[in-house]
Amino acid sequence: MKVLFLCTANSCRSILYEAMFNHLAPPGMKAYSAGSLLSATHKPRILLLCGSTRMRSFSRLLTEETVRLIERFGAETRIFDPSGLPLPGDASDSHPKVQALRPKAIHHPAHVNWINQFDAAH
């Protein structure tokens, strides 16, 4: 059986779905990906924002594990360090951390925002 994952540009989601499906599919099943516009000439690019500013936290570990899995499926990843990033409405668009995030968000069309596991001690 053949399965087709179709998205607009075939630059991120459909490629990842194809890779995941083919990795997990039983024998005899094969996935393909395609786009309704011109194909991208690069790997899918995914920006991850960690939900914790601590150097060692469950959120940071979860983010690093997510990167490992996404890269295994062939994507290019980058983690953005949220330290110093203001909350929405707390600072202007000219804030240095906002300025640092903006071009990365544009360059990486797919985002995994604020991976956050409850870091509070029980």
C-alpha atoms as a PDB file:
ATOM      1  CA  MET A   1       0.000   0.000   0.000  1.00  0.00           C
ATOM      2  CA  LYS A   2       1.249   3.498  -0.854  1.00  0.00           C
ATOM      3  CA  VAL A   3       0.462   6.622   1.202  1.00  0.00           C
ATOM      4  CA  LEU A   4       0.965  10.216   0.037  1.00  0.00           C
ATOM      5  CA  PHE A   5       1.509  13.123   2.441  1.00  0.00           C
ATOM      6  CA  LEU A   6       0.775  16.358   0.607  1.00  0.00           C
ATOM      7  CA  CYS A   7       1.381  19.919   1.789  1.00  0.00           C
ATOM      8  CA  THR A   8       1.929  23.253   0.106  1.00  0.00           C
ATOM      9  CA  ALA A   9       5.693  23.355  -0.332  1.00  0.00           C
ATOM     10  CA  ASN A  10       6.818  19.845   0.661  1.00  0.00           C
ATOM     11  CA  SER A  11       9.480  21.525   2.771  1.00  0.00           C
ATOM     12  CA  CYS A  12       8.671  20.388   6.288  1.00  0.00           C
ATOM     13  CA  ARG A  13       5.532  18.626   7.510  1.00  0.00           C
ATOM     14  CA  SER A  14       4.985  16.212   4.642  1.00  0.00           C
ATOM     15  CA  ILE A  15       8.665  15.211   4.573  1.00  0.00           C
ATOM     16  CA  LEU A  16       8.671  14.543   8.327  1.00  0.00           C
ATOM     17  CA  TYR A  17       5.413  12.581   8.107  1.00  0.00           C
ATOM     18  CA  GLU A  18       6.830  10.527   5.240  1.00  0.00           C
ATOM     19  CA  ALA A  19       9.982   9.740   7.250  1.00  0.00           C
ATOM     20  CA  MET A  20       8.056   8.863  10.415  1.00  0.00           C
ATOM     21  CA  PHE A  21       5.569   6.708   8.520  1.00  0.00           C
ATOM     22  CA  ASN A  22       8.300   4.815   6.665  1.00  0.00           C
ATOM     23  CA  HIS A  23      10.217   4.319   9.904  1.00  0.00           C
ATOM     24  CA  LEU A  24       7.183   2.879  11.724  1.00  0.00           C
ATOM     25  CA  ALA A  25       5.223   1.250   8.880  1.00  0.00           C
ATOM     26  CA  PRO A  26       4.798  -2.499   8.613  1.00  0.00           C
ATOM     27  CA  PRO A  27       6.248  -4.319   5.606  1.00  0.00           C
ATOM     28  CA  GLY A  28       4.410  -3.623   2.384  1.00  0.00           C
ATOM     29  CA  MET A  29       3.496  -0.023   3.254  1.00  0.00           C
ATOM     30  CA  LYS A  30       5.435   2.919   1.810  1.00  0.00           C
ATOM     31  CA  ALA A  31       4.890   6.669   2.173  1.00  0.00           C
ATOM     32  CA  TYR A  32       5.790   9.464  -0.213  1.00  0.00           C
ATOM     33  CA  SER A  33       5.615  13.220   0.179  1.00  0.00           C
ATOM     34  CA  ALA A  34       4.816  15.942  -2.319  1.00  0.00           C
ATOM     35  CA  GLY A  35       3.887  19.589  -2.475  1.00  0.00           C
ATOM     36  CA  SER A  36       1.471  21.600  -4.527  1.00  0.00           C
ATOM     37  CA  LEU A  37       4.132  24.307  -5.059  1.00  0.00           C
ATOM     38  CA  LEU A  38       7.805  24.058  -6.005  1.00  0.00           C
ATOM     39  CA  SER A  39       9.850  21.823  -3.722  1.00  0.00           C
ATOM     40  CA  ALA A  40      12.313  23.215  -1.231  1.00  0.00           C
ATOM     41  CA  THR A  41      15.998  22.716  -1.881  1.00  0.00           C
ATOM     42  CA  HIS A  42      16.879  22.251   1.783  1.00  0.00           C
ATOM     43  CA  LYS A  43      16.044  20.020   4.705  1.00  0.00           C
ATOM     44  CA  PRO A  44      13.015  20.986   6.802  1.00  0.00           C
ATOM     45  CA  ARG A  45      14.105  23.672   9.288  1.00  0.00           C
ATOM     46  CA  ILE A  46      12.574  23.595  12.756  1.00  0.00           C
ATOM     47  CA  LEU A  47      13.125  26.112  15.542  1.00  0.00           C
ATOM     48  CA  LEU A  48      12.563  24.919  19.099  1.00  0.00           C
ATOM     49  CA  LEU A  49      12.016  27.241  22.043  1.00  0.00           C
ATOM     50  CA  CYS A  50      12.749  25.695  25.393  1.00  0.00           C
ATOM     51  CA  GLY A  51      10.224  26.553  28.103  1.00  0.00           C
ATOM     52  CA  SER A  52      12.770  26.810  30.893  1.00  0.00           C
ATOM     53  CA  THR A  53      15.622  29.242  31.403  1.00  0.00           C
ATOM     54  CA  ARG A  54      17.407  26.926  33.830  1.00  0.00           C
ATOM     55  CA  MET A  55      20.538  25.176  32.582  1.00  0.00           C
ATOM     56  CA  ARG A  56      19.298  21.783  33.823  1.00  0.00           C
ATOM     57  CA  SER A  57      15.570  21.085  33.709  1.00  0.00           C
ATOM     58  CA  PHE A  58      13.105  18.518  32.429  1.00  0.00           C
ATOM     59  CA  SER A  59      12.034  21.056  29.781  1.00  0.00           C
ATOM     60  CA  ARG A  60      15.583  21.421  28.485  1.00  0.00           C
ATOM     61  CA  LEU A  61      16.085  17.636  28.465  1.00  0.00           C
ATOM     62  CA  LEU A  62      12.786  17.196  26.627  1.00  0.00           C
ATOM     63  CA  THR A  63      13.828  19.832  24.083  1.00  0.00           C
ATOM     64  CA  GLU A  64      17.160  18.089  23.498  1.00  0.00           C
ATOM     65  CA  GLU A  65      15.413  14.732  23.053  1.00  0.00           C
ATOM     66  CA  THR A  66      12.955  16.315  20.609  1.00  0.00           C
ATOM     67  CA  VAL A  67      15.901  17.688  18.603  1.00  0.00           C
ATOM     68  CA  ARG A  68      17.481  14.240  18.520  1.00  0.00           C
ATOM     69  CA  LEU A  69      14.269  12.673  17.181  1.00  0.00           C
ATOM     70  CA  ILE A  70      13.532  15.404  14.634  1.00  0.00           C
ATOM     71  CA  GLU A  71      17.106  15.303  13.298  1.00  0.00           C
ATOM     72  CA  ARG A  72      16.849  11.512  13.031  1.00  0.00           C
ATOM     73  CA  PHE A  73      13.997  12.113  10.584  1.00  0.00           C
ATOM     74  CA  GLY A  74      16.205  14.393   8.494  1.00  0.00           C
ATOM     75  CA  ALA A  75      15.340  17.919   9.635  1.00  0.00           C
ATOM     76  CA  GLU A  76      17.649  20.790  10.505  1.00  0.00           C
ATOM     77  CA  THR A  77      16.991  22.036  14.044  1.00  0.00           C
ATOM     78  CA  ARG A  78      18.001  24.950  16.194  1.00  0.00           C
ATOM     79  CA  ILE A  79      17.206  25.630  19.840  1.00  0.00           C
ATOM     80  CA  PHE A  80      16.546  29.235  20.829  1.00  0.00           C
ATOM     81  CA  ASP A  81      17.593  30.112  24.378  1.00  0.00           C
ATOM     82  CA  PRO A  82      14.676  32.014  25.955  1.00  0.00           C
ATOM     83  CA  SER A  83      16.781  33.632  28.699  1.00  0.00           C
ATOM     84  CA  GLY A  84      15.946  37.328  28.693  1.00  0.00           C
ATOM     85  CA  LEU A  85      13.059  36.993  26.234  1.00  0.00           C
ATOM     86  CA  PRO A  86      10.227  39.250  27.456  1.00  0.00           C
ATOM     87  CA  LEU A  87       6.654  38.063  27.775  1.00  0.00           C
ATOM     88  CA  PRO A  88       4.269  39.307  25.064  1.00  0.00           C
ATOM     89  CA  GLY A  89       3.334  42.913  25.755  1.00  0.00           C
ATOM     90  CA  ASP A  90       6.145  43.451  28.288  1.00  0.00           C
ATOM     91  CA  ALA A  91       8.634  44.996  25.840  1.00  0.00           C
ATOM     92  CA  SER A  92       8.742  46.644  22.436  1.00  0.00           C
ATOM     93  CA  ASP A  93       9.677  44.902  19.205  1.00  0.00           C
ATOM     94  CA  SER A  94      13.062  46.603  19.458  1.00  0.00           C
ATOM     95  CA  HIS A  95      14.036  44.502  22.494  1.00  0.00           C
ATOM     96  CA  PRO A  96      17.373  42.756  21.671  1.00  0.00           C
ATOM     97  CA  LYS A  97      16.053  39.269  22.420  1.00  0.00           C
ATOM     98  CA  VAL A  98      12.989  39.844  20.200  1.00  0.00           C
ATOM     99  CA  GLN A  99      15.299  41.088  17.441  1.00  0.00           C
ATOM    100  CA  ALA A 100      17.440  37.939  17.822  1.00  0.00           C
ATOM    101  CA  LEU A 101      14.399  35.643  17.608  1.00  0.00           C
ATOM    102  CA  ARG A 102      12.683  37.280  14.614  1.00  0.00           C
ATOM    103  CA  PRO A 103      15.139  36.239  11.835  1.00  0.00           C
ATOM    104  CA  LYS A 104      15.375  32.713  13.243  1.00  0.00           C
ATOM    105  CA  ALA A 105      11.587  32.408  13.234  1.00  0.00           C
ATOM    106  CA  ILE A 106      11.482  33.533   9.591  1.00  0.00           C
ATOM    107  CA  HIS A 107      14.340  31.193   8.555  1.00  0.00           C
ATOM    108  CA  HIS A 108      12.716  28.189  10.279  1.00  0.00           C
ATOM    109  CA  PRO A 109       9.168  27.808   8.877  1.00  0.00           C
ATOM    110  CA  ALA A 110       8.256  25.174  11.467  1.00  0.00           C
ATOM    111  CA  HIS A 111       8.356  25.903  15.180  1.00  0.00           C
ATOM    112  CA  VAL A 112       8.062  23.833  18.316  1.00  0.00           C
ATOM    113  CA  ASN A 113       7.234  26.527  20.840  1.00  0.00           C
ATOM    114  CA  TRP A 114       7.885  26.439  24.541  1.00  0.00           C
ATOM    115  CA  ILE A 115       8.519  22.807  25.296  1.00  0.00           C
ATOM    116  CA  ASN A 116       7.683  22.933  28.953  1.00  0.00           C
ATOM    117  CA  GLN A 117       7.515  20.091  31.400  1.00  0.00           C
ATOM    118  CA  PHE A 118       6.543  21.134  34.919  1.00  0.00           C
ATOM    119  CA  ASP A 119       9.903  21.816  36.522  1.00  0.00           C
ATOM    120  CA  ALA A 120       8.619  22.292  40.049  1.00  0.00           C
ATOM    121  CA  ALA A 121       9.906  19.846  42.614  1.00  0.00           C
ATOM    122  CA  HIS A 122       7.289  17.508  44.068  1.00  0.00           C
END
